[in-house]
PDB file of N, CA and C in Angstrom:
ATOM      1  N   MET A   1      -9.650 -14.511   2.996  1.00  0.00           N
ATOM      2  CA  MET A   1      -9.609 -13.797   4.219  1.00  0.00           C
ATOM      3  C   MET A   1      -9.408 -12.406   3.772  1.00  0.00           C
ATOM      4  N   THR A   2     -10.000 -11.311   4.198  1.00  0.00           N
ATOM      5  CA  THR A   2     -10.197 -10.149   4.009  1.00  0.00           C
ATOM      6  C   THR A   2      -9.663  -9.340   5.464  1.00  0.00           C
ATOM      7  N   SER A   3      -8.906  -8.430   5.090  1.00  0.00           N
ATOM      8  CA  SER A   3      -8.397  -7.456   5.822  1.00  0.00           C
ATOM      9  C   SER A   3      -9.093  -6.445   6.271  1.00  0.00           C
ATOM     10  N   GLU A   4      -9.354  -5.943   7.490  1.00  0.00           N
ATOM     11  CA  GLU A   4     -10.245  -4.829   7.666  1.00  0.00           C
ATOM     12  C   GLU A   4      -9.504  -3.682   7.786  1.00  0.00           C
ATOM     13  N   THR A   5     -10.055  -2.493   7.418  1.00  0.00           N
ATOM     14  CA  THR A   5      -9.321  -1.237   7.310  1.00  0.00           C
ATOM     15  C   THR A   5     -10.019   0.044   7.953  1.00  0.00           C
ATOM     16  N   VAL A   6      -9.339   1.102   8.452  1.00  0.00           N
ATOM     17  CA  VAL A   6     -10.197   2.200   8.862  1.00  0.00           C
ATOM     18  C   VAL A   6      -9.513   3.292   8.108  1.00  0.00           C
ATOM     19  N   THR A   7     -10.233   4.315   8.030  1.00  0.00           N
ATOM     20  CA  THR A   7      -9.604   5.625   7.421  1.00  0.00           C
ATOM     21  C   THR A   7      -9.376   6.593   8.603  1.00  0.00           C
ATOM     22  N   VAL A   8      -7.972   7.145   8.600  1.00  0.00           N
ATOM     23  CA  VAL A   8      -7.388   7.981   9.677  1.00  0.00           C
ATOM     24  C   VAL A   8      -7.095   9.151   8.825  1.00  0.00           C
ATOM     25  N   TYR A   9      -6.622  10.183   9.631  1.00  0.00           N
ATOM     26  CA  TYR A   9      -6.346  11.426   8.826  1.00  0.00           C
ATOM     27  C   TYR A   9      -4.719  11.757   9.373  1.00  0.00           C
ATOM     28  N   VAL A  10      -3.627  11.737   8.368  1.00  0.00           N
ATOM     29  CA  VAL A  10      -2.454  11.850   8.885  1.00  0.00           C
ATOM     30  C   VAL A  10      -1.882  13.409   8.206  1.00  0.00           C
ATOM     31  N   ASP A  11      -1.716  14.375   9.010  1.00  0.00           N
ATOM     32  CA  ASP A  11      -1.314  15.592   8.753  1.00  0.00           C
ATOM     33  C   ASP A  11      -2.597  15.978   8.066  1.00  0.00           C
ATOM     34  N   GLY A  12      -3.784  15.795   8.062  1.00  0.00           N
ATOM     35  CA  GLY A  12      -5.121  16.123   7.521  1.00  0.00           C
ATOM     36  C   GLY A  12      -5.415  15.523   6.322  1.00  0.00           C
ATOM     37  N   ASP A  13      -4.354  14.569   5.682  1.00  0.00           N
ATOM     38  CA  ASP A  13      -4.955  13.605   4.584  1.00  0.00           C
ATOM     39  C   ASP A  13      -5.352  12.215   5.013  1.00  0.00           C
ATOM     40  N   PRO A  14      -6.331  12.212   4.211  1.00  0.00           N
ATOM     41  CA  PRO A  14      -6.826  10.557   4.790  1.00  0.00           C
ATOM     42  C   PRO A  14      -6.180   9.331   4.035  1.00  0.00           C
ATOM     43  N   VAL A  15      -6.202   8.370   5.041  1.00  0.00           N
ATOM     44  CA  VAL A  15      -5.230   7.325   4.866  1.00  0.00           C
ATOM     45  C   VAL A  15      -6.138   6.135   5.398  1.00  0.00           C
ATOM     46  N   ASP A  16      -6.121   5.158   4.429  1.00  0.00           N
ATOM     47  CA  ASP A  16      -6.686   3.785   4.917  1.00  0.00           C
ATOM     48  C   ASP A  16      -5.810   3.153   5.388  1.00  0.00           C
ATOM     49  N   VAL A  17      -5.894   2.474   6.516  1.00  0.00           N
ATOM     50  CA  VAL A  17      -4.745   1.480   7.104  1.00  0.00           C
ATOM     51  C   VAL A  17      -5.620   0.092   7.908  1.00  0.00           C
ATOM     52  N   ALA A  18      -4.406  -0.855   8.281  1.00  0.00           N
ATOM     53  CA  ALA A  18      -5.144  -2.007   8.896  1.00  0.00           C
ATOM     54  C   ALA A  18      -5.889  -1.505  10.039  1.00  0.00           C
ATOM     55  N   ALA A  19      -6.757  -2.037  10.574  1.00  0.00           N
ATOM     56  CA  ALA A  19      -7.500  -1.617  11.637  1.00  0.00           C
ATOM     57  C   ALA A  19      -6.880  -2.103  13.162  1.00  0.00           C
ATOM     58  N   ASN A  20      -5.714  -2.675  12.904  1.00  0.00           N
ATOM     59  CA  ASN A  20      -4.887  -2.945  14.073  1.00  0.00           C
ATOM     60  C   ASN A  20      -3.427  -2.432  14.070  1.00  0.00           C
ATOM     61  N   ALA A  21      -3.298  -1.348  13.031  1.00  0.00           N
ATOM     62  CA  ALA A  21      -2.011  -0.579  12.947  1.00  0.00           C
ATOM     63  C   ALA A  21      -1.951   0.564  14.301  1.00  0.00           C
ATOM     64  N   SER A  22      -0.664   0.687  14.421  1.00  0.00           N
ATOM     65  CA  SER A  22      -0.657   1.731  15.073  1.00  0.00           C
ATOM     66  C   SER A  22      -0.434   3.119  14.268  1.00  0.00           C
ATOM     67  N   ALA A  23      -0.614   4.384  15.289  1.00  0.00           N
ATOM     68  CA  ALA A  23      -0.594   5.567  14.578  1.00  0.00           C
ATOM     69  C   ALA A  23       0.753   5.818  13.934  1.00  0.00           C
ATOM     70  N   ALA A  24       1.955   5.307  14.701  1.00  0.00           N
ATOM     71  CA  ALA A  24       3.331   5.341  13.816  1.00  0.00           C
ATOM     72  C   ALA A  24       3.144   4.764  12.406  1.00  0.00           C
ATOM     73  N   ALA A  25       2.740   3.561  12.569  1.00  0.00           N
ATOM     74  CA  ALA A  25       2.621   2.706  11.262  1.00  0.00           C
ATOM     75  C   ALA A  25       1.770   3.518  10.279  1.00  0.00           C
ATOM     76  N   ALA A  26       0.741   4.042  10.532  1.00  0.00           N
ATOM     77  CA  ALA A  26      -0.156   4.731   9.738  1.00  0.00           C
ATOM     78  C   ALA A  26       0.456   5.929   9.010  1.00  0.00           C
ATOM     79  N   ALA A  27       1.252   6.733   9.935  1.00  0.00           N
ATOM     80  CA  ALA A  27       2.133   7.762   9.624  1.00  0.00           C
ATOM     81  C   ALA A  27       3.119   7.344   8.452  1.00  0.00           C
ATOM     82  N   LEU A  28       3.991   6.455   8.768  1.00  0.00           N
ATOM     83  CA  LEU A  28       4.856   5.818   7.752  1.00  0.00           C
ATOM     84  C   LEU A  28       4.156   5.536   6.407  1.00  0.00           C
ATOM     85  N   GLN A  29       2.932   4.744   6.513  1.00  0.00           N
ATOM     86  CA  GLN A  29       2.331   4.309   5.331  1.00  0.00           C
ATOM     87  C   GLN A  29       1.920   5.667   4.448  1.00  0.00           C
ATOM     88  N   ALA A  30       1.504   6.617   5.291  1.00  0.00           N
ATOM     89  CA  ALA A  30       1.100   7.928   4.525  1.00  0.00           C
ATOM     90  C   ALA A  30       2.106   8.362   3.822  1.00  0.00           C
ATOM     91  N   GLY A  31       3.649   7.962   4.165  1.00  0.00           N
ATOM     92  CA  GLY A  31       4.782   8.466   3.425  1.00  0.00           C
ATOM     93  C   GLY A  31       5.348   9.648   4.108  1.00  0.00           C
ATOM     94  N   LEU A  32       4.998  10.045   5.512  1.00  0.00           N
ATOM     95  CA  LEU A  32       5.875  11.136   6.275  1.00  0.00           C
ATOM     96  C   LEU A  32       7.107  10.566   6.329  1.00  0.00           C
ATOM     97  N   GLY A  33       7.888  11.791   6.000  1.00  0.00           N
ATOM     98  CA  GLY A  33       9.487  11.287   6.066  1.00  0.00           C
ATOM     99  C   GLY A  33       9.946  11.478   7.248  1.00  0.00           C
ATOM    100  N   TYR A  34       9.289  12.350   8.260  1.00  0.00           N
ATOM    101  CA  TYR A  34       9.394  12.495   9.522  1.00  0.00           C
ATOM    102  C   TYR A  34       7.970  12.743  10.338  1.00  0.00           C
ATOM    103  N   THR A  35       8.255  12.458  11.591  1.00  0.00           N
ATOM    104  CA  THR A  35       6.925  12.536  12.484  1.00  0.00           C
ATOM    105  C   THR A  35       7.010  13.831  13.485  1.00  0.00           C
ATOM    106  N   ARG A  36       8.264  14.160  13.635  1.00  0.00           N
ATOM    107  CA  ARG A  36       8.412  15.388  14.974  1.00  0.00           C
ATOM    108  C   ARG A  36       9.544  15.817  14.359  1.00  0.00           C
ATOM    109  N   THR A  37      10.054  17.033  15.072  1.00  0.00           N
ATOM    110  CA  THR A  37      11.394  17.820  14.982  1.00  0.00           C
ATOM    111  C   THR A  37      11.624  17.957  16.473  1.00  0.00           C
ATOM    112  N   CYS A  38      13.070  17.827  16.642  1.00  0.00           N
ATOM    113  CA  CYS A  38      13.621  18.062  18.008  1.00  0.00           C
ATOM    114  C   CYS A  38      13.620  19.396  18.406  1.00  0.00           C
ATOM    115  N   PRO A  39      12.803  19.536  19.782  1.00  0.00           N
ATOM    116  CA  PRO A  39      12.626  20.969  20.330  1.00  0.00           C
ATOM    117  C   PRO A  39      13.747  21.995  20.338  1.00  0.00           C
ATOM    118  N   ILE A  40      14.979  21.221  20.361  1.00  0.00           N
ATOM    119  CA  ILE A  40      16.099  22.193  20.746  1.00  0.00           C
ATOM    120  C   ILE A  40      16.962  22.162  19.412  1.00  0.00           C
ATOM    121  N   THR A  41      17.082  21.502  18.335  1.00  0.00           N
ATOM    122  CA  THR A  41      17.775  21.651  17.209  1.00  0.00           C
ATOM    123  C   THR A  41      17.110  21.578  15.918  1.00  0.00           C
ATOM    124  N   ASP A  42      15.621  21.376  16.196  1.00  0.00           N
ATOM    125  CA  ASP A  42      14.738  21.293  14.986  1.00  0.00           C
ATOM    126  C   ASP A  42      15.004  20.350  14.074  1.00  0.00           C
ATOM    127  N   GLU A  43      15.770  19.248  14.374  1.00  0.00           N
ATOM    128  CA  GLU A  43      16.287  18.091  13.555  1.00  0.00           C
ATOM    129  C   GLU A  43      15.002  17.268  13.320  1.00  0.00           C
ATOM    130  N   LYS A  44      14.817  16.592  12.102  1.00  0.00           N
ATOM    131  CA  LYS A  44      13.613  16.021  12.015  1.00  0.00           C
ATOM    132  C   LYS A  44      13.796  14.360  12.306  1.00  0.00           C
ATOM    133  N   ARG A  45      12.893  13.834  13.101  1.00  0.00           N
ATOM    134  CA  ARG A  45      12.916  12.524  13.609  1.00  0.00           C
ATOM    135  C   ARG A  45      11.834  11.573  13.197  1.00  0.00           C
ATOM    136  N   ALA A  46      11.918  10.618  13.072  1.00  0.00           N
ATOM    137  CA  ALA A  46      11.011   9.386  12.885  1.00  0.00           C
ATOM    138  C   ALA A  46      10.787   8.405  13.640  1.00  0.00           C
ATOM    139  N   PRO A  47       9.729   7.362  13.583  1.00  0.00           N
ATOM    140  CA  PRO A  47       9.530   6.135  14.398  1.00  0.00           C
ATOM    141  C   PRO A  47      10.869   5.498  13.951  1.00  0.00           C
ATOM    142  N   TYR A  48      11.468   4.751  15.357  1.00  0.00           N
ATOM    143  CA  TYR A  48      12.509   4.066  15.123  1.00  0.00           C
ATOM    144  C   TYR A  48      12.447   2.592  15.606  1.00  0.00           C
ATOM    145  N   CYS A  49      12.032   2.407  16.854  1.00  0.00           N
ATOM    146  CA  CYS A  49      11.921   0.951  17.552  1.00  0.00           C
ATOM    147  C   CYS A  49      10.580   0.544  17.377  1.00  0.00           C
ATOM    148  N   MET A  50       9.644   1.291  17.232  1.00  0.00           N
ATOM    149  CA  MET A  50       8.100   0.845  16.975  1.00  0.00           C
ATOM    150  C   MET A  50       7.557  -0.048  18.267  1.00  0.00           C
ATOM    151  N   MET A  51       8.351   0.139  19.317  1.00  0.00           N
ATOM    152  CA  MET A  51       7.894  -0.701  20.631  1.00  0.00           C
ATOM    153  C   MET A  51       7.857   0.175  21.672  1.00  0.00           C
ATOM    154  N   GLY A  52       7.838   1.545  21.902  1.00  0.00           N
ATOM    155  CA  GLY A  52       7.765   2.198  22.971  1.00  0.00           C
ATOM    156  C   GLY A  52       9.098   2.690  23.772  1.00  0.00           C
ATOM    157  N   ILE A  53      10.024   2.481  23.280  1.00  0.00           N
ATOM    158  CA  ILE A  53      11.561   2.396  24.023  1.00  0.00           C
ATOM    159  C   ILE A  53      12.167   4.063  23.670  1.00  0.00           C
ATOM    160  N   CYS A  54      12.027   4.224  22.120  1.00  0.00           N
ATOM    161  CA  CYS A  54      12.994   5.394  21.977  1.00  0.00           C
ATOM    162  C   CYS A  54      12.384   6.885  22.095  1.00  0.00           C
ATOM    163  N   PHE A  55      11.267   6.728  21.942  1.00  0.00           N
ATOM    164  CA  PHE A  55      10.330   8.145  21.983  1.00  0.00           C
ATOM    165  C   PHE A  55      10.337   8.986  20.797  1.00  0.00           C
ATOM    166  N   GLU A  56      11.247   8.467  19.675  1.00  0.00           N
ATOM    167  CA  GLU A  56      11.057   8.992  18.351  1.00  0.00           C
ATOM    168  C   GLU A  56       9.911   9.382  17.760  1.00  0.00           C
ATOM    169  N   CYS A  57       8.762   8.732  18.273  1.00  0.00           N
ATOM    170  CA  CYS A  57       7.569   8.644  17.213  1.00  0.00           C
ATOM    171  C   CYS A  57       6.780   9.647  17.932  1.00  0.00           C
ATOM    172  N   LEU A  58       7.108  10.513  18.699  1.00  0.00           N
ATOM    173  CA  LEU A  58       5.818  11.501  19.405  1.00  0.00           C
ATOM    174  C   LEU A  58       5.301  12.252  18.521  1.00  0.00           C
ATOM    175  N   MET A  59       4.134  12.427  18.574  1.00  0.00           N
ATOM    176  CA  MET A  59       3.034  12.895  17.684  1.00  0.00           C
ATOM    177  C   MET A  59       1.858  13.674  18.467  1.00  0.00           C
ATOM    178  N   VAL A  60       1.126  14.417  17.513  1.00  0.00           N
ATOM    179  CA  VAL A  60      -0.128  15.051  18.379  1.00  0.00           C
ATOM    180  C   VAL A  60      -1.062  14.271  17.600  1.00  0.00           C
ATOM    181  N   ILE A  61      -1.907  13.400  18.441  1.00  0.00           N
ATOM    182  CA  ILE A  61      -2.874  12.537  18.189  1.00  0.00           C
ATOM    183  C   ILE A  61      -4.371  12.928  18.896  1.00  0.00           C
ATOM    184  N   ASP A  62      -5.252  13.203  17.862  1.00  0.00           N
ATOM    185  CA  ASP A  62      -6.494  13.846  18.332  1.00  0.00           C
ATOM    186  C   ASP A  62      -6.456  15.050  19.322  1.00  0.00           C
ATOM    187  N   GLY A  63      -5.481  15.765  19.062  1.00  0.00           N
ATOM    188  CA  GLY A  63      -5.231  17.006  19.632  1.00  0.00           C
ATOM    189  C   GLY A  63      -4.171  16.845  20.949  1.00  0.00           C
ATOM    190  N   MET A  64      -3.800  15.701  21.101  1.00  0.00           N
ATOM    191  CA  MET A  64      -3.106  15.570  22.431  1.00  0.00           C
ATOM    192  C   MET A  64      -1.474  15.455  22.018  1.00  0.00           C
ATOM    193  N   PRO A  65      -0.626  16.271  22.420  1.00  0.00           N
ATOM    194  CA  PRO A  65       0.509  16.380  22.125  1.00  0.00           C
ATOM    195  C   PRO A  65       1.579  15.270  22.940  1.00  0.00           C
ATOM    196  N   SER A  66       2.670  14.842  22.329  1.00  0.00           N
ATOM    197  CA  SER A  66       3.698  14.094  23.001  1.00  0.00           C
ATOM    198  C   SER A  66       3.110  12.582  23.148  1.00  0.00           C
ATOM    199  N   ARG A  67       2.121  12.064  22.085  1.00  0.00           N
ATOM    200  CA  ARG A  67       1.751  10.813  22.379  1.00  0.00           C
ATOM    201  C   ARG A  67       2.497  10.003  21.664  1.00  0.00           C
ATOM    202  N   GLN A  68       3.180   8.710  22.000  1.00  0.00           N
ATOM    203  CA  GLN A  68       4.037   7.828  21.705  1.00  0.00           C
ATOM    204  C   GLN A  68       3.130   7.047  20.291  1.00  0.00           C
ATOM    205  N   ALA A  69       3.184   7.348  19.075  1.00  0.00           N
ATOM    206  CA  ALA A  69       2.500   7.242  17.960  1.00  0.00           C
ATOM    207  C   ALA A  69       2.404   5.648  18.137  1.00  0.00           C
ATOM    208  N   CYS A  70       3.792   4.749  17.948  1.00  0.00           N
ATOM    209  CA  CYS A  70       3.728   3.554  18.084  1.00  0.00           C
ATOM    210  C   CYS A  70       3.036   2.628  19.088  1.00  0.00           C
ATOM    211  N   MET A  71       2.557   3.395  20.198  1.00  0.00           N
ATOM    212  CA  MET A  71       1.668   2.757  21.159  1.00  0.00           C
ATOM    213  C   MET A  71       0.306   2.535  21.213  1.00  0.00           C
ATOM    214  N   VAL A  72      -0.078   3.530  20.327  1.00  0.00           N
ATOM    215  CA  VAL A  72      -1.580   4.009  20.027  1.00  0.00           C
ATOM    216  C   VAL A  72      -2.157   3.218  18.924  1.00  0.00           C
ATOM    217  N   LYS A  73      -3.128   2.357  18.964  1.00  0.00           N
ATOM    218  CA  LYS A  73      -3.848   1.603  17.968  1.00  0.00           C
ATOM    219  C   LYS A  73      -4.883   2.811  17.163  1.00  0.00           C
ATOM    220  N   VAL A  74      -4.678   2.699  15.943  1.00  0.00           N
ATOM    221  CA  VAL A  74      -5.726   3.669  15.253  1.00  0.00           C
ATOM    222  C   VAL A  74      -7.179   3.186  15.564  1.00  0.00           C
ATOM    223  N   ARG A  75      -8.073   4.336  15.372  1.00  0.00           N
ATOM    224  CA  ARG A  75      -9.453   3.883  15.118  1.00  0.00           C
ATOM    225  C   ARG A  75     -10.036   5.122  14.209  1.00  0.00           C
ATOM    226  N   PRO A  76     -11.127   4.578  13.553  1.00  0.00           N
ATOM    227  CA  PRO A  76     -11.882   5.494  12.613  1.00  0.00           C
ATOM    228  C   PRO A  76     -11.812   6.791  12.921  1.00  0.00           C
ATOM    229  N   GLY A  77     -11.136   7.625  11.850  1.00  0.00           N
ATOM    230  CA  GLY A  77     -11.436   9.020  12.098  1.00  0.00           C
ATOM    231  C   GLY A  77     -10.338   9.707  12.883  1.00  0.00           C
ATOM    232  N   MET A  78      -9.365   9.041  13.662  1.00  0.00           N
ATOM    233  CA  MET A  78      -8.337   9.217  14.210  1.00  0.00           C
ATOM    234  C   MET A  78      -7.399  10.558  13.680  1.00  0.00           C
ATOM    235  N   ARG A  79      -6.998  11.660  14.244  1.00  0.00           N
ATOM    236  CA  ARG A  79      -6.337  12.868  13.687  1.00  0.00           C
ATOM    237  C   ARG A  79      -4.731  12.751  14.139  1.00  0.00           C
ATOM    238  N   ILE A  80      -3.856  12.230  13.203  1.00  0.00           N
ATOM    239  CA  ILE A  80      -2.511  12.085  13.568  1.00  0.00           C
ATOM    240  C   ILE A  80      -1.560  13.136  13.096  1.00  0.00           C
ATOM    241  N   ASP A  81      -1.129  13.906  13.609  1.00  0.00           N
ATOM    242  CA  ASP A  81      -0.231  15.090  13.188  1.00  0.00           C
ATOM    243  C   ASP A  81       1.042  14.890  13.503  1.00  0.00           C
ATOM    244  N   ARG A  82       2.126  15.740  12.744  1.00  0.00           N
ATOM    245  CA  ARG A  82       3.331  15.662  13.090  1.00  0.00           C
ATOM    246  C   ARG A  82       3.460  16.636  14.469  1.00  0.00           C
ATOM    247  N   GLN A  83       4.410  16.537  15.220  1.00  0.00           N
ATOM    248  CA  GLN A  83       4.780  17.446  16.328  1.00  0.00           C
ATOM    249  C   GLN A  83       5.668  18.253  16.355  1.00  0.00           C
ATOM    250  N   LEU A  84       5.770  19.567  15.812  1.00  0.00           N
ATOM    251  CA  LEU A  84       6.884  20.454  15.328  1.00  0.00           C
ATOM    252  C   LEU A  84       7.550  21.217  16.552  1.00  0.00           C
ATOM    253  N   GLY A  85       8.616  21.127  16.793  1.00  0.00           N
ATOM    254  CA  GLY A  85       9.194  21.914  17.945  1.00  0.00           C
ATOM    255  C   GLY A  85       8.519  21.288  19.078  1.00  0.00           C
ATOM    256  N   PRO A  86       8.655  22.241  20.444  1.00  0.00           N
ATOM    257  CA  PRO A  86       8.508  21.824  21.484  1.00  0.00           C
ATOM    258  C   PRO A  86       6.880  21.551  21.585  1.00  0.00           C
ATOM    259  N   ARG A  87       6.752  20.806  22.875  1.00  0.00           N
ATOM    260  CA  ARG A  87       5.293  20.665  22.787  1.00  0.00           C
ATOM    261  C   ARG A  87       4.626  22.070  23.470  1.00  0.00           C
ATOM    262  N   LYS A  88       3.432  22.139  23.022  1.00  0.00           N
ATOM    263  CA  LYS A  88       2.886  23.022  23.448  1.00  0.00           C
ATOM    264  C   LYS A  88       1.978  22.862  24.672  1.00  0.00           C
ATOM    265  N   LEU A  89       1.970  23.611  25.742  1.00  0.00           N
ATOM    266  CA  LEU A  89       1.457  23.469  26.899  1.00  0.00           C
ATOM    267  C   LEU A  89      -0.002  23.823  26.944  1.00  0.00           C
ATOM    268  N   GLN A  90      -1.021  23.054  27.533  1.00  0.00           N
ATOM    269  CA  GLN A  90      -2.459  23.732  27.329  1.00  0.00           C
ATOM    270  C   GLN A  90      -2.804  24.268  28.669  1.00  0.00           C
TER     271      GLN A  90
END
């Protein structure tokens, strides 16, 4: 049995992940120590529950801020970036 993988870009670096992985799992696999910073205290935060309850995994995915990375399935070429500080309004 072979496992299908896709390449995504985590903070600009290519990472091969399982095709059914979440963006949060890809970020963890890439070795990110944190995925966002608190907009008030600048404290580093990382995925916690991995099921959409805690909102600790907010990231910028394909240019869209404040996406729950644990709820977004990866796709080839996806860009997954840390969300630093408050969300930028567009």
